[in-house]
C-alpha cells in the first residue's frame, strides 16, 4: 500500500472494513483527535477511552459520510467534539465531578489534621459504619485510586464510588461548625 492515501481511497478502505483502512485512519488522525479530546475532558485515561469510542463510531458510521457536505476530517472532528460534549453532559461525569469536589474537601480536611489542627476528624471517621470507614481509610489514608480500592475491598467500582461519596457527605456534615461558633 502506498504511503499517501487520498480521502476517497481512505473512505473506500474503511467502507470495505479492511484493516488497512483502520490502520491508516488511526495513524493519520489519532494524535489530532487525542489532543482535541484531552483539551476538552482534561484526563488522559478518559481521553483514550473517548478516542477509542470515536474510532468505533467513525468505523461504524462511515456510510453516513457525504463528501459533498464536508471534508472527511471535518466530519470526523464533529464526531470527536460530539463525543466530548456527550461525555461532559453525562450523569456519570457530573457525579464524578461531585465526587472529585468532595474528595478535594476531605483532602483539605486531612491536610488540616496533618498540621495538628484537630477538628476531631479521626473521631468522626471512627464513628462511621465500617463500610464507609473502610473506603475512607483505603482511599484517603492509604492513597489508593478508586479502582485499586475497589479491588482491595472486593467491591464493584460503582459501589465503592457511591460509598466514598456518602462517607464524604457524612464527614462534611459532621465537621461543619455549629451556627453559634
C-alpha atoms as a PDB file:
ATOM      1  CA  UNK A   1       0.000   0.000   0.000  1.00  0.00           C
ATOM      2  CA  UNK A   2       1.289   3.454  -0.841  1.00  0.00           C
ATOM      3  CA  UNK A   3       2.282   5.904   1.910  1.00  0.00           C
ATOM      4  CA  UNK A   4      -0.073   8.696   0.874  1.00  0.00           C
ATOM      5  CA  UNK A   5      -3.716   7.914   0.546  1.00  0.00           C
ATOM      6  CA  UNK A   6      -6.391  10.271  -0.706  1.00  0.00           C
ATOM      7  CA  UNK A   7      -9.575  10.856   1.260  1.00  0.00           C
ATOM      8  CA  UNK A   8     -11.702   8.884  -1.223  1.00  0.00           C
ATOM      9  CA  UNK A   9      -9.238   5.970  -1.051  1.00  0.00           C
ATOM     10  CA  UNK A  10      -9.272   6.034   2.752  1.00  0.00           C
ATOM     11  CA  UNK A  11     -13.058   6.184   2.840  1.00  0.00           C
ATOM     12  CA  UNK A  12     -13.234   3.242   0.423  1.00  0.00           C
ATOM     13  CA  UNK A  13     -10.851   1.207   2.598  1.00  0.00           C
ATOM     14  CA  UNK A  14     -12.896   1.936   5.715  1.00  0.00           C
ATOM     15  CA  UNK A  15     -16.195   1.180   3.977  1.00  0.00           C
ATOM     16  CA  UNK A  16     -14.775  -2.163   2.885  1.00  0.00           C
ATOM     17  CA  UNK A  17     -13.971  -2.815   6.581  1.00  0.00           C
ATOM     18  CA  UNK A  18     -10.359  -3.575   5.723  1.00  0.00           C
ATOM     19  CA  UNK A  19      -7.761  -3.499   8.482  1.00  0.00           C
ATOM     20  CA  UNK A  20      -5.508  -1.326   6.326  1.00  0.00           C
ATOM     21  CA  UNK A  21      -8.239   1.307   6.358  1.00  0.00           C
ATOM     22  CA  UNK A  22      -8.394   1.339  10.125  1.00  0.00           C
ATOM     23  CA  UNK A  23      -4.614   1.382  10.423  1.00  0.00           C
ATOM     24  CA  UNK A  24      -4.365   4.375   8.082  1.00  0.00           C
ATOM     25  CA  UNK A  25      -7.222   6.139   9.819  1.00  0.00           C
ATOM     26  CA  UNK A  26      -5.574   5.671  13.199  1.00  0.00           C
ATOM     27  CA  UNK A  27      -2.075   6.568  12.013  1.00  0.00           C
ATOM     28  CA  UNK A  28      -3.237   9.768  10.346  1.00  0.00           C
ATOM     29  CA  UNK A  29      -5.740  11.079  12.882  1.00  0.00           C
ATOM     30  CA  UNK A  30      -5.156   9.598  16.361  1.00  0.00           C
ATOM     31  CA  UNK A  31      -2.845  12.375  17.580  1.00  0.00           C
ATOM     32  CA  UNK A  32      -5.152  15.155  16.411  1.00  0.00           C
ATOM     33  CA  UNK A  33      -8.238  13.515  17.913  1.00  0.00           C
ATOM     34  CA  UNK A  34      -6.483  12.775  21.206  1.00  0.00           C
ATOM     35  CA  UNK A  35      -5.338  16.386  21.582  1.00  0.00           C
ATOM     36  CA  UNK A  36      -8.838  17.745  20.957  1.00  0.00           C
ATOM     37  CA  UNK A  37     -10.343  15.279  23.433  1.00  0.00           C
ATOM     38  CA  UNK A  38      -7.696  15.883  26.097  1.00  0.00           C
ATOM     39  CA  UNK A  39      -8.216  19.652  25.919  1.00  0.00           C
ATOM     40  CA  UNK A  40     -11.913  19.057  26.441  1.00  0.00           C
ATOM     41  CA  UNK A  41     -12.008  16.436  29.215  1.00  0.00           C
ATOM     42  CA  UNK A  42      -8.597  17.117  30.824  1.00  0.00           C
ATOM     43  CA  UNK A  43      -7.980  13.481  31.750  1.00  0.00           C
ATOM     44  CA  UNK A  44      -5.505  11.311  29.832  1.00  0.00           C
ATOM     45  CA  UNK A  45      -7.060   7.904  30.547  1.00  0.00           C
ATOM     46  CA  UNK A  46     -10.555   9.167  29.845  1.00  0.00           C
ATOM     47  CA  UNK A  47      -9.323  10.808  26.643  1.00  0.00           C
ATOM     48  CA  UNK A  48      -8.027   7.447  25.445  1.00  0.00           C
ATOM     49  CA  UNK A  49     -11.392   5.829  26.199  1.00  0.00           C
ATOM     50  CA  UNK A  50     -13.300   8.531  24.340  1.00  0.00           C
ATOM     51  CA  UNK A  51     -10.863   8.336  21.438  1.00  0.00           C
ATOM     52  CA  UNK A  52     -11.480   4.595  21.167  1.00  0.00           C
ATOM     53  CA  UNK A  53     -15.246   5.260  21.096  1.00  0.00           C
ATOM     54  CA  UNK A  54     -14.704   7.876  18.380  1.00  0.00           C
ATOM     55  CA  UNK A  55     -12.818   5.460  16.141  1.00  0.00           C
ATOM     56  CA  UNK A  56     -15.554   2.873  16.590  1.00  0.00           C
ATOM     57  CA  UNK A  57     -18.222   5.478  15.680  1.00  0.00           C
ATOM     58  CA  UNK A  58     -16.288   6.527  12.597  1.00  0.00           C
ATOM     59  CA  UNK A  59     -15.759   2.909  11.571  1.00  0.00           C
ATOM     60  CA  UNK A  60     -19.428   2.011  12.043  1.00  0.00           C
ATOM     61  CA  UNK A  61     -20.863   5.208  10.556  1.00  0.00           C
ATOM     62  CA  UNK A  62     -18.599   5.755   7.555  1.00  0.00           C
ATOM     63  CA  UNK A  63     -21.574   5.116   5.250  1.00  0.00           C
ATOM     64  CA  UNK A  64     -23.119   8.328   6.616  1.00  0.00           C
ATOM     65  CA  UNK A  65     -20.139  10.373   5.459  1.00  0.00           C
ATOM     66  CA  UNK A  66     -21.033  12.579   2.490  1.00  0.00           C
ATOM     67  CA  UNK A  67     -18.026  14.113   0.711  1.00  0.00           C
ATOM     68  CA  UNK A  68     -20.321  16.690  -0.899  1.00  0.00           C
ATOM     69  CA  UNK A  69     -21.220  18.130   2.504  1.00  0.00           C
ATOM     70  CA  UNK A  70     -17.818  18.172   4.259  1.00  0.00           C
ATOM     71  CA  UNK A  71     -14.239  17.011   4.091  1.00  0.00           C
ATOM     72  CA  UNK A  72     -13.521  13.746   5.867  1.00  0.00           C
ATOM     73  CA  UNK A  73     -11.548  15.473   8.633  1.00  0.00           C
ATOM     74  CA  UNK A  74     -14.368  17.954   9.264  1.00  0.00           C
ATOM     75  CA  UNK A  75     -16.913  15.142   9.504  1.00  0.00           C
ATOM     76  CA  UNK A  76     -14.692  13.137  11.866  1.00  0.00           C
ATOM     77  CA  UNK A  77     -13.791  16.097  14.109  1.00  0.00           C
ATOM     78  CA  UNK A  78     -17.512  16.747  14.532  1.00  0.00           C
ATOM     79  CA  UNK A  79     -17.816  13.180  15.852  1.00  0.00           C
ATOM     80  CA  UNK A  80     -14.882  13.847  18.202  1.00  0.00           C
ATOM     81  CA  UNK A  81     -16.425  17.042  19.556  1.00  0.00           C
ATOM     82  CA  UNK A  82     -19.849  15.454  19.934  1.00  0.00           C
ATOM     83  CA  UNK A  83     -18.314  12.570  21.895  1.00  0.00           C
ATOM     84  CA  UNK A  84     -16.640  15.081  24.233  1.00  0.00           C
ATOM     85  CA  UNK A  85     -19.858  17.033  24.729  1.00  0.00           C
ATOM     86  CA  UNK A  86     -21.801  13.809  25.323  1.00  0.00           C
ATOM     87  CA  UNK A  87     -19.316  12.797  27.993  1.00  0.00           C
ATOM     88  CA  UNK A  88     -19.283  16.194  29.698  1.00  0.00           C
ATOM     89  CA  UNK A  89     -23.093  16.248  29.799  1.00  0.00           C
ATOM     90  CA  UNK A  90     -23.421  12.675  31.035  1.00  0.00           C
ATOM     91  CA  UNK A  91     -24.734  11.990  34.542  1.00  0.00           C
ATOM     92  CA  UNK A  92     -21.631   9.873  35.214  1.00  0.00           C
ATOM     93  CA  UNK A  93     -19.336  12.816  34.517  1.00  0.00           C
ATOM     94  CA  UNK A  94     -21.410  15.121  36.721  1.00  0.00           C
ATOM     95  CA  UNK A  95     -21.332  12.587  39.547  1.00  0.00           C
ATOM     96  CA  UNK A  96     -17.560  12.172  39.098  1.00  0.00           C
ATOM     97  CA  UNK A  97     -17.132  15.965  39.305  1.00  0.00           C
ATOM     98  CA  UNK A  98     -19.187  15.981  42.502  1.00  0.00           C
ATOM     99  CA  UNK A  99     -17.089  13.174  43.997  1.00  0.00           C
ATOM    100  CA  UNK A 100     -13.918  14.988  42.948  1.00  0.00           C
ATOM    101  CA  UNK A 101     -15.044  18.212  44.657  1.00  0.00           C
ATOM    102  CA  UNK A 102     -15.904  16.293  47.801  1.00  0.00           C
ATOM    103  CA  UNK A 103     -12.598  14.442  47.584  1.00  0.00           C
ATOM    104  CA  UNK A 104     -10.791  17.779  47.462  1.00  0.00           C
ATOM    105  CA  UNK A 105     -12.774  18.899  50.525  1.00  0.00           C
ATOM    106  CA  UNK A 106     -11.777  15.821  52.508  1.00  0.00           C
ATOM    107  CA  UNK A 107      -8.140  16.097  51.394  1.00  0.00           C
ATOM    108  CA  UNK A 108      -8.194  19.663  52.674  1.00  0.00           C
ATOM    109  CA  UNK A 109      -9.626  18.481  55.995  1.00  0.00           C
ATOM    110  CA  UNK A 110      -6.981  15.751  56.241  1.00  0.00           C
ATOM    111  CA  UNK A 111      -4.255  18.301  55.451  1.00  0.00           C
ATOM    112  CA  UNK A 112      -5.504  20.455  58.303  1.00  0.00           C
ATOM    113  CA  UNK A 113      -5.395  17.423  60.591  1.00  0.00           C
ATOM    114  CA  UNK A 114      -1.851  16.721  59.442  1.00  0.00           C
ATOM    115  CA  UNK A 115      -0.898  20.241  60.508  1.00  0.00           C
ATOM    116  CA  UNK A 116      -2.019  19.407  64.024  1.00  0.00           C
ATOM    117  CA  UNK A 117      -5.291  21.294  63.752  1.00  0.00           C
ATOM    118  CA  UNK A 118      -7.673  18.816  65.304  1.00  0.00           C
ATOM    119  CA  UNK A 119     -11.251  19.095  64.174  1.00  0.00           C
ATOM    120  CA  UNK A 120     -11.994  15.674  65.565  1.00  0.00           C
ATOM    121  CA  UNK A 121     -11.710  14.129  62.118  1.00  0.00           C
ATOM    122  CA  UNK A 122     -10.349  10.816  63.370  1.00  0.00           C
ATOM    123  CA  UNK A 123     -13.148  10.584  65.937  1.00  0.00           C
ATOM    124  CA  UNK A 124     -15.753  11.284  63.279  1.00  0.00           C
ATOM    125  CA  UNK A 125     -14.236   8.693  60.919  1.00  0.00           C
ATOM    126  CA  UNK A 126     -14.160   6.171  63.762  1.00  0.00           C
ATOM    127  CA  UNK A 127     -17.916   6.675  64.260  1.00  0.00           C
ATOM    128  CA  UNK A 128     -18.734   5.866  60.626  1.00  0.00           C
ATOM    129  CA  UNK A 129     -20.192   2.474  59.753  1.00  0.00           C
ATOM    130  CA  UNK A 130     -17.355   0.069  58.904  1.00  0.00           C
ATOM    131  CA  UNK A 131     -18.250   0.009  55.192  1.00  0.00           C
ATOM    132  CA  UNK A 132     -17.775   3.798  54.986  1.00  0.00           C
ATOM    133  CA  UNK A 133     -14.789   3.898  57.320  1.00  0.00           C
ATOM    134  CA  UNK A 134     -13.019   1.244  55.221  1.00  0.00           C
ATOM    135  CA  UNK A 135     -13.411   3.171  51.965  1.00  0.00           C
ATOM    136  CA  UNK A 136     -12.228   6.438  53.566  1.00  0.00           C
ATOM    137  CA  UNK A 137      -9.179   4.762  55.078  1.00  0.00           C
ATOM    138  CA  UNK A 138      -8.320   2.910  51.878  1.00  0.00           C
ATOM    139  CA  UNK A 139      -8.771   5.856  49.512  1.00  0.00           C
ATOM    140  CA  UNK A 140      -7.520   8.745  51.630  1.00  0.00           C
ATOM    141  CA  UNK A 141      -5.091   7.316  54.146  1.00  0.00           C
ATOM    142  CA  UNK A 142      -3.598   4.576  52.026  1.00  0.00           C
ATOM    143  CA  UNK A 143      -3.807   6.682  48.832  1.00  0.00           C
ATOM    144  CA  UNK A 144      -5.397   4.013  46.661  1.00  0.00           C
ATOM    145  CA  UNK A 145      -7.184   5.069  43.484  1.00  0.00           C
ATOM    146  CA  UNK A 146     -10.874   4.248  43.368  1.00  0.00           C
ATOM    147  CA  UNK A 147     -10.186   1.289  41.073  1.00  0.00           C
ATOM    148  CA  UNK A 148      -7.426  -0.038  43.351  1.00  0.00           C
ATOM    149  CA  UNK A 149      -9.557   0.447  46.474  1.00  0.00           C
ATOM    150  CA  UNK A 150     -12.472  -1.385  44.847  1.00  0.00           C
ATOM    151  CA  UNK A 151     -10.185  -4.321  44.091  1.00  0.00           C
ATOM    152  CA  UNK A 152      -8.633  -4.354  47.579  1.00  0.00           C
ATOM    153  CA  UNK A 153     -12.022  -4.165  49.284  1.00  0.00           C
ATOM    154  CA  UNK A 154     -13.638  -6.622  46.876  1.00  0.00           C
ATOM    155  CA  UNK A 155     -16.315  -4.147  45.770  1.00  0.00           C
ATOM    156  CA  UNK A 156     -17.646  -3.170  42.369  1.00  0.00           C
ATOM    157  CA  UNK A 157     -16.193   0.197  41.346  1.00  0.00           C
ATOM    158  CA  UNK A 158     -19.626   1.878  41.296  1.00  0.00           C
ATOM    159  CA  UNK A 159     -20.365   0.670  44.837  1.00  0.00           C
ATOM    160  CA  UNK A 160     -17.022   1.963  46.074  1.00  0.00           C
ATOM    161  CA  UNK A 161     -17.614   5.383  44.486  1.00  0.00           C
ATOM    162  CA  UNK A 162     -21.100   5.564  46.000  1.00  0.00           C
ATOM    163  CA  UNK A 163     -19.725   4.731  49.430  1.00  0.00           C
ATOM    164  CA  UNK A 164     -16.942   7.299  49.103  1.00  0.00           C
ATOM    165  CA  UNK A 165     -19.487   9.935  48.128  1.00  0.00           C
ATOM    166  CA  UNK A 166     -21.788   9.042  51.030  1.00  0.00           C
ATOM    167  CA  UNK A 167     -18.904   8.914  53.511  1.00  0.00           C
ATOM    168  CA  UNK A 168     -17.658  12.314  52.356  1.00  0.00           C
ATOM    169  CA  UNK A 169     -21.116  13.783  52.775  1.00  0.00           C
ATOM    170  CA  UNK A 170     -21.327  12.331  56.286  1.00  0.00           C
ATOM    171  CA  UNK A 171     -17.878  13.638  57.189  1.00  0.00           C
ATOM    172  CA  UNK A 172     -18.570  17.045  55.742  1.00  0.00           C
ATOM    173  CA  UNK A 173     -21.814  17.432  57.672  1.00  0.00           C
ATOM    174  CA  UNK A 174     -20.188  16.167  60.877  1.00  0.00           C
ATOM    175  CA  UNK A 175     -17.312  18.610  60.576  1.00  0.00           C
ATOM    176  CA  UNK A 176     -19.375  21.713  59.783  1.00  0.00           C
ATOM    177  CA  UNK A 177     -19.069  24.337  62.514  1.00  0.00           C
ATOM    178  CA  UNK A 178     -22.204  24.900  64.503  1.00  0.00           C
ATOM    179  CA  UNK A 179     -24.003  28.213  63.809  1.00  0.00           C
ATOM    180  CA  UNK A 180     -23.088  29.775  67.179  1.00  0.00           C
ATOM    181  CA  UNK A 181     -19.334  29.305  66.649  1.00  0.00           C
END
